[in-house]
Full PDB file with SEQRES, HELIX, SHEET, SSBOND, CRYST1, ORIGX, SCALE, CONECT and MASTER records, all heavy atoms in Angstrom:
SEQRES   1 A   39  ALA SER ALA LEU SER SER ALA PHE GLY ALA THR LEU ILE          
SEQRES   2 A   39  LEU ALA SER ALA LEU ALA LEU LEU TYR GLY THR TYR SER          
SEQRES   3 A   39  LEU ILE PHE LYS LEU PRO ALA ALA VAL PRO ILE LYS GLN          
HELIX    1 AA1 ALA A    3  THR A   24  1                                  22    
HELIX    2 AA2 TYR A   25  PHE A   29  3                                   5    
CRYST1    1.000    1.000    1.000  90.00  90.00  90.00 P 1           1          
ORIGX1      1.000000  0.000000  0.000000        0.00000                         
ORIGX2      0.000000  1.000000  0.000000        0.00000                         
ORIGX3      0.000000  0.000000  1.000000        0.00000                         
SCALE1      1.000000  0.000000  0.000000        0.00000                         
SCALE2      0.000000  1.000000  0.000000        0.00000                         
SCALE3      0.000000  0.000000  1.000000        0.00000                         
ATOM      1  N   ALA A   1      94.520  99.158  75.920  1.00  0.00           N  
ATOM      2  CA  ALA A   1      95.329  97.986  75.567  1.00  0.00           C  
ATOM      3  C   ALA A   1      94.857  96.763  76.335  1.00  0.00           C  
ATOM      4  O   ALA A   1      94.750  95.667  75.791  1.00  0.00           O  
ATOM      5  CB  ALA A   1      96.808  98.252  75.835  1.00  0.00           C  
ATOM      6  N   SER A   2      94.582  96.971  77.609  1.00  0.00           N  
ATOM      7  CA  SER A   2      94.069  95.902  78.468  1.00  0.00           C  
ATOM      8  C   SER A   2      93.468  96.554  79.694  1.00  0.00           C  
ATOM      9  O   SER A   2      93.705  97.734  79.973  1.00  0.00           O  
ATOM     10  CB  SER A   2      95.192  94.932  78.877  1.00  0.00           C  
ATOM     11  OG  SER A   2      96.117  95.591  79.727  1.00  0.00           O  
ATOM     12  N   ALA A   3      92.674  95.768  80.435  1.00  0.00           N  
ATOM     13  CA  ALA A   3      92.056  96.304  81.654  1.00  0.00           C  
ATOM     14  C   ALA A   3      93.126  96.713  82.662  1.00  0.00           C  
ATOM     15  O   ALA A   3      93.024  97.756  83.324  1.00  0.00           O  
ATOM     16  CB  ALA A   3      91.109  95.266  82.259  1.00  0.00           C  
ATOM     17  N   LEU A   4      94.167  95.884  82.793  1.00  0.00           N  
ATOM     18  CA  LEU A   4      95.238  96.170  83.748  1.00  0.00           C  
ATOM     19  C   LEU A   4      95.994  97.428  83.363  1.00  0.00           C  
ATOM     20  O   LEU A   4      96.294  98.288  84.192  1.00  0.00           O  
ATOM     21  CB  LEU A   4      96.193  94.977  83.825  1.00  0.00           C  
ATOM     22  CG  LEU A   4      97.386  95.145  84.788  1.00  0.00           C  
ATOM     23  CD1 LEU A   4      96.890  95.359  86.215  1.00  0.00           C  
ATOM     24  CD2 LEU A   4      98.301  93.925  84.711  1.00  0.00           C  
ATOM     25  N   SER A   5      96.312  97.556  82.071  1.00  0.00           N  
ATOM     26  CA  SER A   5      97.053  98.718  81.584  1.00  0.00           C  
ATOM     27  C   SER A   5      96.241  99.992  81.761  1.00  0.00           C  
ATOM     28  O   SER A   5      96.768 101.030  82.181  1.00  0.00           O  
ATOM     29  CB  SER A   5      97.420  98.535  80.109  1.00  0.00           C  
ATOM     30  OG  SER A   5      98.119  99.665  79.623  1.00  0.00           O  
ATOM     31  N   SER A   6      94.952  99.912  81.463  1.00  0.00           N  
ATOM     32  CA  SER A   6      94.083 101.082  81.610  1.00  0.00           C  
ATOM     33  C   SER A   6      93.966 101.498  83.070  1.00  0.00           C  
ATOM     34  O   SER A   6      94.023 102.687  83.414  1.00  0.00           O  
ATOM     35  CB  SER A   6      92.697 100.799  81.027  1.00  0.00           C  
ATOM     36  OG  SER A   6      92.771 100.536  79.644  1.00  0.00           O  
ATOM     37  N   ALA A   7      93.786 100.503  83.952  1.00  0.00           N  
ATOM     38  CA  ALA A   7      93.649 100.787  85.383  1.00  0.00           C  
ATOM     39  C   ALA A   7      94.942 101.392  85.936  1.00  0.00           C  
ATOM     40  O   ALA A   7      94.917 102.330  86.736  1.00  0.00           O  
ATOM     41  CB  ALA A   7      93.301  99.504  86.141  1.00  0.00           C  
ATOM     42  N   PHE A   8      96.072 100.812  85.481  1.00  0.00           N  
ATOM     43  CA  PHE A   8      97.365 101.326  85.942  1.00  0.00           C  
ATOM     44  C   PHE A   8      97.574 102.772  85.501  1.00  0.00           C  
ATOM     45  O   PHE A   8      98.015 103.627  86.263  1.00  0.00           O  
ATOM     46  CB  PHE A   8      98.484 100.437  85.398  1.00  0.00           C  
ATOM     47  CG  PHE A   8      99.856 100.893  85.808  1.00  0.00           C  
ATOM     48  CD1 PHE A   8     100.285 100.779  87.115  1.00  0.00           C  
ATOM     49  CD2 PHE A   8     100.726 101.447  84.861  1.00  0.00           C  
ATOM     50  CE1 PHE A   8     101.547 101.207  87.492  1.00  0.00           C  
ATOM     51  CE2 PHE A   8     101.984 101.872  85.229  1.00  0.00           C  
ATOM     52  CZ  PHE A   8     102.399 101.750  86.550  1.00  0.00           C  
ATOM     53  N   GLY A   9      97.223 103.055  84.237  1.00  0.00           N  
ATOM     54  CA  GLY A   9      97.384 104.410  83.714  1.00  0.00           C  
ATOM     55  C   GLY A   9      96.494 105.403  84.428  1.00  0.00           C  
ATOM     56  O   GLY A   9      96.926 106.516  84.777  1.00  0.00           O  
ATOM     57  N   ALA A  10      95.237 105.023  84.675  1.00  0.00           N  
ATOM     58  CA  ALA A  10      94.303 105.915  85.369  1.00  0.00           C  
ATOM     59  C   ALA A  10      94.763 106.181  86.792  1.00  0.00           C  
ATOM     60  O   ALA A  10      94.671 107.306  87.295  1.00  0.00           O  
ATOM     61  CB  ALA A  10      92.908 105.304  85.365  1.00  0.00           C  
ATOM     62  N   THR A  11      95.251 105.138  87.464  1.00  0.00           N  
ATOM     63  CA  THR A  11      95.739 105.291  88.842  1.00  0.00           C  
ATOM     64  C   THR A  11      96.934 106.229  88.901  1.00  0.00           C  
ATOM     65  O   THR A  11      97.050 107.074  89.801  1.00  0.00           O  
ATOM     66  CB  THR A  11      96.132 103.915  89.424  1.00  0.00           C  
ATOM     67  OG1 THR A  11      94.991 103.053  89.405  1.00  0.00           O  
ATOM     68  CG2 THR A  11      96.630 104.056  90.855  1.00  0.00           C  
ATOM     69  N   LEU A  12      97.840 106.080  87.930  1.00  0.00           N  
ATOM     70  CA  LEU A  12      99.027 106.947  87.897  1.00  0.00           C  
ATOM     71  C   LEU A  12      98.641 108.404  87.679  1.00  0.00           C  
ATOM     72  O   LEU A  12      99.173 109.303  88.346  1.00  0.00           O  
ATOM     73  CB  LEU A  12      99.985 106.488  86.799  1.00  0.00           C  
ATOM     74  CG  LEU A  12     101.238 107.352  86.627  1.00  0.00           C  
ATOM     75  CD1 LEU A  12     102.086 107.329  87.889  1.00  0.00           C  
ATOM     76  CD2 LEU A  12     102.052 106.885  85.431  1.00  0.00           C  
ATOM     77  N   ILE A  13      97.700 108.654  86.773  1.00  0.00           N  
ATOM     78  CA  ILE A  13      97.276 110.025  86.493  1.00  0.00           C  
ATOM     79  C   ILE A  13      96.622 110.636  87.740  1.00  0.00           C  
ATOM     80  O   ILE A  13      96.891 111.786  88.108  1.00  0.00           O  
ATOM     81  CB  ILE A  13      96.304 110.060  85.300  1.00  0.00           C  
ATOM     82  CG1 ILE A  13      97.058 109.724  84.012  1.00  0.00           C  
ATOM     83  CG2 ILE A  13      95.644 111.429  85.185  1.00  0.00           C  
ATOM     84  CD1 ILE A  13      96.169 109.620  82.798  1.00  0.00           C  
ATOM     85  N   LEU A  14      95.784 109.862  88.408  1.00  0.00           N  
ATOM     86  CA  LEU A  14      95.134 110.353  89.621  1.00  0.00           C  
ATOM     87  C   LEU A  14      96.160 110.629  90.718  1.00  0.00           C  
ATOM     88  O   LEU A  14      96.120 111.673  91.379  1.00  0.00           O  
ATOM     89  CB  LEU A  14      94.111 109.326  90.114  1.00  0.00           C  
ATOM     90  CG  LEU A  14      93.373 109.678  91.420  1.00  0.00           C  
ATOM     91  CD1 LEU A  14      92.603 110.981  91.255  1.00  0.00           C  
ATOM     92  CD2 LEU A  14      92.441 108.546  91.828  1.00  0.00           C  
ATOM     93  N   ALA A  15      97.093 109.698  90.883  1.00  0.00           N  
ATOM     94  CA  ALA A  15      98.135 109.874  91.906  1.00  0.00           C  
ATOM     95  C   ALA A  15      99.000 111.087  91.594  1.00  0.00           C  
ATOM     96  O   ALA A  15      99.398 111.837  92.494  1.00  0.00           O  
ATOM     97  CB  ALA A  15      98.992 108.612  91.990  1.00  0.00           C  
ATOM     98  N   SER A  16      99.298 111.308  90.319  1.00  0.00           N  
ATOM     99  CA  SER A  16     100.111 112.468  89.914  1.00  0.00           C  
ATOM    100  C   SER A  16      99.387 113.762  90.226  1.00  0.00           C  
ATOM    101  O   SER A  16      99.985 114.722  90.715  1.00  0.00           O  
ATOM    102  CB  SER A  16     100.430 112.383  88.416  1.00  0.00           C  
ATOM    103  OG  SER A  16     101.176 111.234  88.108  1.00  0.00           O  
ATOM    104  N   ALA A  17      98.082 113.785  89.932  1.00  0.00           N  
ATOM    105  CA  ALA A  17      97.292 114.992  90.198  1.00  0.00           C  
ATOM    106  C   ALA A  17      97.233 115.286  91.691  1.00  0.00           C  
ATOM    107  O   ALA A  17      97.391 116.439  92.123  1.00  0.00           O  
ATOM    108  CB  ALA A  17      95.881 114.837  89.632  1.00  0.00           C  
ATOM    109  N   LEU A  18      97.021 114.241  92.493  1.00  0.00           N  
ATOM    110  CA  LEU A  18      96.962 114.422  93.943  1.00  0.00           C  
ATOM    111  C   LEU A  18      98.308 114.873  94.507  1.00  0.00           C  
ATOM    112  O   LEU A  18      98.371 115.746  95.382  1.00  0.00           O  
ATOM    113  CB  LEU A  18      96.525 113.109  94.608  1.00  0.00           C  
ATOM    114  CG  LEU A  18      95.076 112.672  94.364  1.00  0.00           C  
ATOM    115  CD1 LEU A  18      94.824 111.297  94.966  1.00  0.00           C  
ATOM    116  CD2 LEU A  18      94.105 113.699  94.959  1.00  0.00           C  
ATOM    117  N   ALA A  19      99.385 114.274  93.989  1.00  0.00           N  
ATOM    118  CA  ALA A  19     100.724 114.655  94.454  1.00  0.00           C  
ATOM    119  C   ALA A  19     101.025 116.112  94.109  1.00  0.00           C  
ATOM    120  O   ALA A  19     101.604 116.854  94.907  1.00  0.00           O  
ATOM    121  CB  ALA A  19     101.771 113.736  93.828  1.00  0.00           C  
ATOM    122  N   LEU A  20     100.608 116.549  92.909  1.00  0.00           N  
ATOM    123  CA  LEU A  20     100.837 117.922  92.494  1.00  0.00           C  
ATOM    124  C   LEU A  20     100.024 118.892  93.336  1.00  0.00           C  
ATOM    125  O   LEU A  20     100.534 119.935  93.766  1.00  0.00           O  
ATOM    126  CB  LEU A  20     100.480 118.080  91.018  1.00  0.00           C  
ATOM    127  CG  LEU A  20     100.695 119.473  90.413  1.00  0.00           C  
ATOM    128  CD1 LEU A  20     102.160 119.888  90.544  1.00  0.00           C  
ATOM    129  CD2 LEU A  20     100.280 119.499  88.952  1.00  0.00           C  
ATOM    130  N   LEU A  21      98.766 118.549  93.607  1.00  0.00           N  
ATOM    131  CA  LEU A  21      97.912 119.411  94.418  1.00  0.00           C  
ATOM    132  C   LEU A  21      98.440 119.532  95.843  1.00  0.00           C  
ATOM    133  O   LEU A  21      98.525 120.638  96.399  1.00  0.00           O  
ATOM    134  CB  LEU A  21      96.473 118.870  94.441  1.00  0.00           C  
ATOM    135  CG  LEU A  21      95.670 119.031  93.147  1.00  0.00           C  
ATOM    136  CD1 LEU A  21      94.346 118.293  93.249  1.00  0.00           C  
ATOM    137  CD2 LEU A  21      95.439 120.514  92.846  1.00  0.00           C  
ATOM    138  N   TYR A  22      98.797 118.398  96.427  1.00  0.00           N  
ATOM    139  CA  TYR A  22      99.301 118.415  97.799  1.00  0.00           C  
ATOM    140  C   TYR A  22     100.644 119.134  97.877  1.00  0.00           C  
ATOM    141  O   TYR A  22     100.904 119.906  98.804  1.00  0.00           O  
ATOM    142  CB  TYR A  22      99.444 116.997  98.332  1.00  0.00           C  
ATOM    143  CG  TYR A  22      99.950 116.955  99.761  1.00  0.00           C  
ATOM    144  CD1 TYR A  22      99.109 117.271 100.818  1.00  0.00           C  
ATOM    145  CD2 TYR A  22     101.276 116.634 100.035  1.00  0.00           C  
ATOM    146  CE1 TYR A  22      99.580 117.263 102.129  1.00  0.00           C  
ATOM    147  CE2 TYR A  22     101.755 116.620 101.338  1.00  0.00           C  
ATOM    148  CZ  TYR A  22     100.900 116.935 102.382  1.00  0.00           C  
ATOM    149  OH  TYR A  22     101.364 116.935 103.665  1.00  0.00           O  
ATOM    150  N   GLY A  23     101.503 118.885  96.900  1.00  0.00           N  
ATOM    151  CA  GLY A  23     102.806 119.547  96.895  1.00  0.00           C  
ATOM    152  C   GLY A  23     102.680 121.051  96.751  1.00  0.00           C  
ATOM    153  O   GLY A  23     103.380 121.811  97.426  1.00  0.00           O  
ATOM    154  N   THR A  24     101.772 121.490  95.878  1.00  0.00           N  
ATOM    155  CA  THR A  24     101.551 122.924  95.689  1.00  0.00           C  
ATOM    156  C   THR A  24     101.043 123.568  96.972  1.00  0.00           C  
ATOM    157  O   THR A  24     101.504 124.648  97.383  1.00  0.00           O  
ATOM    158  CB  THR A  24     100.545 123.168  94.557  1.00  0.00           C  
ATOM    159  OG1 THR A  24     101.037 122.592  93.353  1.00  0.00           O  
ATOM    160  CG2 THR A  24     100.323 124.665  94.336  1.00  0.00           C  
ATOM    161  N   TYR A  25     100.096 122.883  97.622  1.00  0.00           N  
ATOM    162  CA  TYR A  25      99.562 123.415  98.887  1.00  0.00           C  
ATOM    163  C   TYR A  25     100.640 123.478  99.959  1.00  0.00           C  
ATOM    164  O   TYR A  25     100.795 124.494 100.651  1.00  0.00           O  
ATOM    165  CB  TYR A  25      98.408 122.528  99.372  1.00  0.00           C  
ATOM    166  CG  TYR A  25      98.004 122.806 100.793  1.00  0.00           C  
ATOM    167  CD1 TYR A  25      97.290 123.956 101.131  1.00  0.00           C  
ATOM    168  CD2 TYR A  25      98.351 121.927 101.809  1.00  0.00           C  
ATOM    169  CE1 TYR A  25      96.938 124.222 102.439  1.00  0.00           C  
ATOM    170  CE2 TYR A  25      98.004 122.182 103.129  1.00  0.00           C  
ATOM    171  CZ  TYR A  25      97.291 123.324 103.436  1.00  0.00           C  
ATOM    172  OH  TYR A  25      96.953 123.581 104.739  1.00  0.00           O  
ATOM    173  N   SER A  26     101.401 122.400 100.103  1.00  0.00           N  
ATOM    174  CA  SER A  26     102.411 122.336 101.159  1.00  0.00           C  
ATOM    175  C   SER A  26     103.534 123.343 100.960  1.00  0.00           C  
ATOM    176  O   SER A  26     104.014 123.957 101.920  1.00  0.00           O  
ATOM    177  CB  SER A  26     102.999 120.917 101.235  1.00  0.00           C  
ATOM    178  OG  SER A  26     102.003 119.978 101.538  1.00  0.00           O  
ATOM    179  N   LEU A  27     103.941 123.522  99.703  1.00  0.00           N  
ATOM    180  CA  LEU A  27     105.102 124.369  99.429  1.00  0.00           C  
ATOM    181  C   LEU A  27     104.759 125.841  99.245  1.00  0.00           C  
ATOM    182  O   LEU A  27     105.577 126.709  99.538  1.00  0.00           O  
ATOM    183  CB  LEU A  27     105.830 123.851  98.181  1.00  0.00           C  
ATOM    184  CG  LEU A  27     106.489 122.473  98.321  1.00  0.00           C  
ATOM    185  CD1 LEU A  27     106.966 121.977  96.973  1.00  0.00           C  
ATOM    186  CD2 LEU A  27     107.647 122.538  99.306  1.00  0.00           C  
ATOM    187  N   ILE A  28     103.553 126.132  98.756  1.00  0.00           N  
ATOM    188  CA  ILE A  28     103.219 127.512  98.412  1.00  0.00           C  
ATOM    189  C   ILE A  28     102.174 128.123  99.344  1.00  0.00           C  
ATOM    190  O   ILE A  28     102.343 129.240  99.838  1.00  0.00           O  
ATOM    191  CB  ILE A  28     102.723 127.612  96.956  1.00  0.00           C  
ATOM    192  CG1 ILE A  28     103.765 127.024  96.001  1.00  0.00           C  
ATOM    193  CG2 ILE A  28     102.405 129.055  96.596  1.00  0.00           C  
ATOM    194  CD1 ILE A  28     105.109 127.699  96.044  1.00  0.00           C  
ATOM    195  N   PHE A  29     101.118 127.388  99.618  1.00  0.00           N  
ATOM    196  CA  PHE A  29      99.997 127.979 100.338  1.00  0.00           C  
ATOM    197  C   PHE A  29      99.980 127.681 101.833  1.00  0.00           C  
ATOM    198  O   PHE A  29      99.446 128.463 102.619  1.00  0.00           O  
ATOM    199  CB  PHE A  29      98.669 127.517  99.722  1.00  0.00           C  
ATOM    200  CG  PHE A  29      98.512 127.948  98.296  1.00  0.00           C  
ATOM    201  CD1 PHE A  29      98.640 127.037  97.259  1.00  0.00           C  
ATOM    202  CD2 PHE A  29      98.250 129.270  97.981  1.00  0.00           C  
ATOM    203  CE1 PHE A  29      98.508 127.438  95.941  1.00  0.00           C  
ATOM    204  CE2 PHE A  29      98.122 129.679  96.664  1.00  0.00           C  
ATOM    205  CZ  PHE A  29      98.251 128.759  95.643  1.00  0.00           C  
ATOM    206  N   LYS A  30     100.538 126.576 102.239  1.00  0.00           N  
ATOM    207  CA  LYS A  30     100.509 126.214 103.647  1.00  0.00           C  
ATOM    208  C   LYS A  30     101.435 127.122 104.442  1.00  0.00           C  
ATOM    209  O   LYS A  30     102.573 127.370 104.048  1.00  0.00           O  
ATOM    210  CB  LYS A  30     100.936 124.761 103.830  1.00  0.00           C  
ATOM    211  CG  LYS A  30     100.813 124.264 105.270  1.00  0.00           C  
ATOM    212  CD  LYS A  30     101.231 122.804 105.368  1.00  0.00           C  
ATOM    213  CE  LYS A  30     101.122 122.294 106.793  1.00  0.00           C  
ATOM    214  NZ  LYS A  30     101.540 120.876 106.897  1.00  0.00           N  
ATOM    215  N   LEU A  31     100.943 127.639 105.575  1.00  0.00           N  
ATOM    216  CA  LEU A  31     101.755 128.500 106.431  1.00  0.00           C  
ATOM    217  C   LEU A  31     102.901 127.688 107.014  1.00  0.00           C  
ATOM    218  O   LEU A  31     102.672 126.656 107.641  1.00  0.00           O  
ATOM    219  CB  LEU A  31     100.893 129.065 107.571  1.00  0.00           C  
ATOM    220  CG  LEU A  31     101.551 130.104 108.489  1.00  0.00           C  
ATOM    221  CD1 LEU A  31     101.827 131.376 107.714  1.00  0.00           C  
ATOM    222  CD2 LEU A  31     100.671 130.375 109.684  1.00  0.00           C  
ATOM    223  N   PRO A  32     104.156 128.107 106.800  1.00  0.00           N  
ATOM    224  CA  PRO A  32     105.279 127.341 107.322  1.00  0.00           C  
ATOM    225  C   PRO A  32     105.294 127.339 108.843  1.00  0.00           C  
ATOM    226  O   PRO A  32     104.847 128.292 109.478  1.00  0.00           O  
ATOM    227  CB  PRO A  32     106.508 128.086 106.759  1.00  0.00           C  
ATOM    228  CG  PRO A  32     106.018 129.462 106.488  1.00  0.00           C  
ATOM    229  CD  PRO A  32     104.584 129.323 106.088  1.00  0.00           C  
ATOM    230  N   ALA A  33     105.794 126.273 109.430  1.00  0.00           N  
ATOM    231  CA  ALA A  33     105.866 126.199 110.885  1.00  0.00           C  
ATOM    232  C   ALA A  33     106.861 127.225 111.406  1.00  0.00           C  
ATOM    233  O   ALA A  33     107.868 127.537 110.765  1.00  0.00           O  
ATOM    234  CB  ALA A  33     106.300 124.799 111.301  1.00  0.00           C  
ATOM    235  N   ALA A  34     106.550 127.763 112.571  1.00  0.00           N  
ATOM    236  CA  ALA A  34     107.437 128.760 113.164  1.00  0.00           C  
ATOM    237  C   ALA A  34     108.763 128.114 113.537  1.00  0.00           C  
ATOM    238  O   ALA A  34     108.812 127.015 114.088  1.00  0.00           O  
ATOM    239  CB  ALA A  34     106.783 129.370 114.398  1.00  0.00           C  
ATOM    240  N   VAL A  35     109.858 128.793 113.214  1.00  0.00           N  
ATOM    241  CA  VAL A  35     111.187 128.298 113.560  1.00  0.00           C  
ATOM    242  C   VAL A  35     111.478 128.665 115.009  1.00  0.00           C  
ATOM    243  O   VAL A  35     111.308 129.818 115.401  1.00  0.00           O  
ATOM    244  CB  VAL A  35     112.255 128.929 112.641  1.00  0.00           C  
ATOM    245  CG1 VAL A  35     113.639 128.416 113.014  1.00  0.00           C  
ATOM    246  CG2 VAL A  35     111.944 128.638 111.186  1.00  0.00           C  
ATOM    247  N   PRO A  36     111.896 127.712 115.859  1.00  0.00           N  
ATOM    248  CA  PRO A  36     112.244 128.053 117.239  1.00  0.00           C  
ATOM    249  C   PRO A  36     113.283 129.158 117.277  1.00  0.00           C  
ATOM    250  O   PRO A  36     114.301 129.078 116.579  1.00  0.00           O  
ATOM    251  CB  PRO A  36     112.798 126.729 117.792  1.00  0.00           C  
ATOM    252  CG  PRO A  36     112.141 125.674 116.954  1.00  0.00           C  
ATOM    253  CD  PRO A  36     112.038 126.270 115.584  1.00  0.00           C  
ATOM    254  N   ILE A  37     113.025 130.177 118.090  1.00  0.00           N  
ATOM    255  CA  ILE A  37     113.896 131.363 118.117  1.00  0.00           C  
ATOM    256  C   ILE A  37     115.345 130.985 118.427  1.00  0.00           C  
ATOM    257  O   ILE A  37     116.281 131.516 117.823  1.00  0.00           O  
ATOM    258  CB  ILE A  37     113.388 132.384 119.150  1.00  0.00           C  
ATOM    259  CG1 ILE A  37     111.929 132.753 118.860  1.00  0.00           C  
ATOM    260  CG2 ILE A  37     114.258 133.630 119.136  1.00  0.00           C  
ATOM    261  CD1 ILE A  37     111.700 133.373 117.521  1.00  0.00           C  
ATOM    262  N   LYS A  38     115.542 130.056 119.350  1.00  0.00           N  
ATOM    263  CA  LYS A  38     116.897 129.691 119.758  1.00  0.00           C  
ATOM    264  C   LYS A  38     117.685 129.030 118.628  1.00  0.00           C  
ATOM    265  O   LYS A  38     118.910 128.986 118.672  1.00  0.00           O  
ATOM    266  CB  LYS A  38     116.843 128.764 120.975  1.00  0.00           C  
ATOM    267  CG  LYS A  38     116.354 129.444 122.250  1.00  0.00           C  
ATOM    268  CD  LYS A  38     116.395 128.491 123.434  1.00  0.00           C  
ATOM    269  CE  LYS A  38     115.938 129.181 124.709  1.00  0.00           C  
ATOM    270  NZ  LYS A  38     115.971 128.256 125.880  1.00  0.00           N  
ATOM    271  N   GLN A  39     116.990 128.493 117.648  1.00  0.00           N  
ATOM    272  CA  GLN A  39     117.665 127.802 116.537  1.00  0.00           C  
ATOM    273  C   GLN A  39     118.003 128.731 115.381  1.00  0.00           C  
ATOM    274  O   GLN A  39     118.647 128.325 114.420  1.00  0.00           O  
ATOM    275  CB  GLN A  39     116.784 126.655 116.037  1.00  0.00           C  
ATOM    276  CG  GLN A  39     116.552 125.558 117.059  1.00  0.00           C  
ATOM    277  CD  GLN A  39     115.703 124.433 116.525  1.00  0.00           C  
ATOM    278  OE1 GLN A  39     115.492 124.313 115.317  1.00  0.00           O  
ATOM    279  NE2 GLN A  39     115.190 123.584 117.408  1.00  0.00           N  
TER     280      GLN A  39                                                      
MASTER        0    0    0    2    0    0    0    6  279    1    0    3          
END                                                                             
């Protein structure tokens, strides 16, 4: 539609992919921090 619209759309798709990848790693694959025993 326009250079601005195309750039905005591409940036959003890239940001969405990165957010999904990071979220998946953090929530599923990343080892959770140890909970302090006293807590």
